[in-house]
Protein backbone atom coordinates (compact mmCIF):
# COMPACT_ATOMS: atom_id res chain seq x y z
CA UNK A 1 -26.63 0.72 60.71
CA UNK A 2 -22.99 0.58 58.72
CA UNK A 3 -23.47 -1.29 55.68
CA UNK A 4 -19.89 -2.73 54.47
CA UNK A 5 -18.56 -2.04 51.37
CA UNK A 6 -17.88 -4.85 50.55
CA UNK A 7 -18.74 -8.26 51.16
CA UNK A 8 -17.11 -11.56 52.79
CA UNK A 9 -16.58 -13.91 51.50
CA UNK A 10 -18.07 -17.30 52.68
CA UNK A 11 -16.29 -19.50 54.74
CA UNK A 12 -15.51 -22.45 53.45
CA UNK A 13 -15.01 -20.30 49.80
CA UNK A 14 -12.20 -20.48 47.82
CA UNK A 15 -11.91 -17.35 46.09
CA UNK A 16 -8.99 -18.63 43.65
CA UNK A 17 -11.07 -21.19 42.68
CA UNK A 18 -13.67 -19.36 41.39
CA UNK A 19 -11.81 -16.89 40.11
CA UNK A 20 -9.56 -20.01 38.01
CA UNK A 21 -13.76 -21.19 36.95
CA UNK A 22 -14.91 -18.05 35.92
CA UNK A 23 -11.33 -17.37 33.49
CA UNK A 24 -11.57 -20.40 32.26
CA UNK A 25 -15.83 -20.95 31.25
CA UNK A 26 -15.28 -17.08 30.00
CA UNK A 27 -12.65 -18.88 27.60
CA UNK A 28 -14.39 -21.14 26.79
CA UNK A 29 -16.55 -19.03 25.69
CA UNK A 30 -14.86 -16.86 23.38
CA UNK A 31 -12.93 -20.72 22.41
CA UNK A 32 -16.75 -21.57 21.50
CA UNK A 33 -16.83 -18.11 18.70
CA UNK A 34 -13.87 -18.87 17.34
CA UNK A 35 -14.72 -22.41 15.85
CA UNK A 36 -16.69 -20.69 13.01
CA UNK A 37 -13.51 -18.72 12.06
CA UNK A 38 -11.57 -22.61 12.28
CA UNK A 39 -11.27 -24.19 9.24
CA UNK A 40 -10.06 -27.88 10.84
CA UNK A 41 -13.42 -28.15 12.52
CA UNK A 42 -16.63 -29.38 12.18
CA UNK A 43 -18.61 -26.71 13.66
CA UNK A 44 -22.02 -26.19 12.22
CA UNK A 45 -21.48 -22.43 11.30
CA UNK A 46 -18.67 -21.36 9.29
CA UNK A 47 -16.94 -17.90 7.93
CA UNK A 48 -16.50 -18.16 4.39
CA UNK A 49 -12.69 -16.74 5.53
CA UNK A 50 -10.99 -19.09 7.52
CA UNK A 51 -8.00 -18.12 10.32
CA UNK A 52 -5.38 -20.70 10.75
CA UNK A 53 -4.30 -18.78 14.33
CA UNK A 54 -8.06 -19.91 15.51
CA UNK A 55 -7.19 -23.33 15.29
CA UNK A 56 -4.07 -23.05 17.60
CA UNK A 57 -5.72 -20.92 19.26
CA UNK A 58 -8.91 -24.29 20.11
CA UNK A 59 -5.96 -26.18 20.41
CA UNK A 60 -4.34 -24.01 23.15
CA UNK A 61 -7.86 -24.31 24.59
CA UNK A 62 -8.46 -27.77 24.29
CA UNK A 63 -5.67 -28.89 25.50
CA UNK A 64 -5.26 -27.10 28.75
CA UNK A 65 -9.10 -25.27 29.56
CA UNK A 66 -10.50 -28.16 29.44
CA UNK A 67 -8.32 -30.31 31.88
CA UNK A 68 -8.09 -27.20 33.91
CA UNK A 69 -12.27 -27.00 34.79
CA UNK A 70 -12.31 -30.32 35.81
CA UNK A 71 -10.02 -29.90 37.98
CA UNK A 72 -11.77 -27.40 39.14
CA UNK A 73 -15.21 -28.98 39.85
CA UNK A 74 -13.22 -31.66 41.79
CA UNK A 75 -11.61 -29.78 44.22
CA UNK A 76 -14.48 -28.19 44.72
CA UNK A 77 -16.45 -31.29 44.59
CA UNK A 78 -14.27 -33.03 47.23
CA UNK A 79 -15.26 -29.15 49.51
CA UNK A 80 -18.89 -29.88 48.99
CA UNK A 81 -18.71 -33.66 49.75
CA UNK A 82 -17.02 -32.99 52.58
CA UNK A 83 -20.02 -30.08 53.57
CA UNK A 84 -22.92 -32.49 52.61
CA UNK A 85 -21.59 -35.82 52.29
CA UNK A 86 -22.46 -38.60 50.00
CA UNK A 87 -26.67 -38.17 50.06
CA UNK A 88 -26.05 -34.34 50.42
CA UNK A 89 -24.02 -33.82 47.70
CA UNK A 90 -25.81 -36.49 45.46
CA UNK A 91 -29.08 -34.78 45.72
CA UNK A 92 -27.24 -31.45 45.64
CA UNK A 93 -25.50 -32.66 41.85
CA UNK A 94 -29.08 -34.49 40.39
CA UNK A 95 -30.73 -30.85 40.72
CA UNK A 96 -28.31 -28.93 39.64
CA UNK A 97 -26.27 -30.75 37.04
CA UNK A 98 -29.71 -33.18 36.35
CA UNK A 99 -32.53 -29.91 35.68
CA UNK A 100 -30.54 -28.64 33.26
CA UNK A 101 -28.95 -31.92 31.34
CA UNK A 102 -32.49 -32.59 30.81
CA UNK A 103 -34.13 -29.26 29.67
CA UNK A 104 -30.80 -29.34 27.12
CA UNK A 105 -31.08 -32.54 25.49
CA UNK A 106 -34.71 -32.23 24.96
CA UNK A 107 -34.37 -28.11 23.35
CA UNK A 108 -31.11 -27.16 22.67
CA UNK A 109 -29.40 -29.95 21.56
CA UNK A 110 -31.39 -31.03 18.84
CA UNK A 111 -31.23 -27.50 17.13
CA UNK A 112 -27.29 -27.48 15.75
CA UNK A 113 -27.98 -31.35 14.58
CA UNK A 114 -30.72 -30.13 12.36
CA UNK A 115 -28.35 -27.50 10.74
CA UNK A 116 -25.71 -29.56 10.34
CA UNK A 117 -27.64 -31.96 8.50
CA UNK A 118 -29.86 -28.93 6.92
CA UNK A 119 -28.09 -28.38 3.49
CA UNK A 120 -26.63 -24.64 3.46
CA UNK A 121 -28.47 -21.91 1.69
CA UNK A 122 -27.29 -21.37 -1.93
CA UNK A 123 -27.29 -16.75 -1.92
CA UNK A 124 -27.93 -15.54 -5.97
CA UNK A 125 -23.92 -14.45 -7.53
CA UNK A 126 -22.36 -14.96 -3.37
CA UNK A 127 -20.93 -18.32 -2.08
CA UNK A 128 -23.27 -20.93 0.30
CA UNK A 129 -23.02 -19.51 3.99
CA UNK A 130 -20.27 -22.19 4.98
CA UNK A 131 -17.19 -22.66 3.95
CA UNK A 132 -16.18 -25.16 0.95
CA UNK A 133 -18.12 -28.99 0.41
CA UNK A 134 -19.15 -30.60 2.49
CA UNK A 135 -15.88 -33.28 4.00
CA UNK A 136 -16.96 -36.32 5.08
CA UNK A 137 -16.41 -37.63 8.29
CA UNK A 138 -12.87 -38.90 8.07
CA UNK A 139 -11.27 -36.34 7.29
CA UNK A 140 -12.68 -33.39 9.93
CA UNK A 141 -10.98 -32.61 12.79
CA UNK A 142 -10.93 -31.78 15.67
CA UNK A 143 -9.54 -29.03 17.38
CA UNK A 144 -6.72 -30.53 18.81
CA UNK A 145 -6.36 -33.17 15.86
CA UNK A 146 -3.58 -30.60 14.25
CA UNK A 147 -1.55 -31.48 17.28
CA UNK A 148 -1.39 -34.84 16.04
CA UNK A 149 -0.73 -34.05 12.16
CA UNK A 150 1.53 -36.56 10.00
CA UNK A 151 2.60 -34.17 7.82
């Protein structure tokens, strides 16, 4: 018996959509890692030195990656709805998204909030672990706000 050397995609799969989804998700991993170096973002972990390049790249990520991910998700949902029907689609989505949502809400989401509320530790003879003083909420900028600057 011969085993084929490559797997054929399952009927109905869209390899181009899968590839696009993988590329966008990998881009989002790098996007969130780059927020450590973004001077204009209120990320809870900051590097002592900021880089303006990350602000521009983060802005592009917000402008293009998230809408693209929603388009790909919408196309996938359309195909899934056709295949499973409304009830099967709802049950599958509830299990696939609801269980991780509840788990993350109870275990993962509180950690960054706690880190934001905890003052940075003082280092003897060195800068704090966060760059600069804490900014009031009104002066915080999101990664995409560089597009809307008036000055």
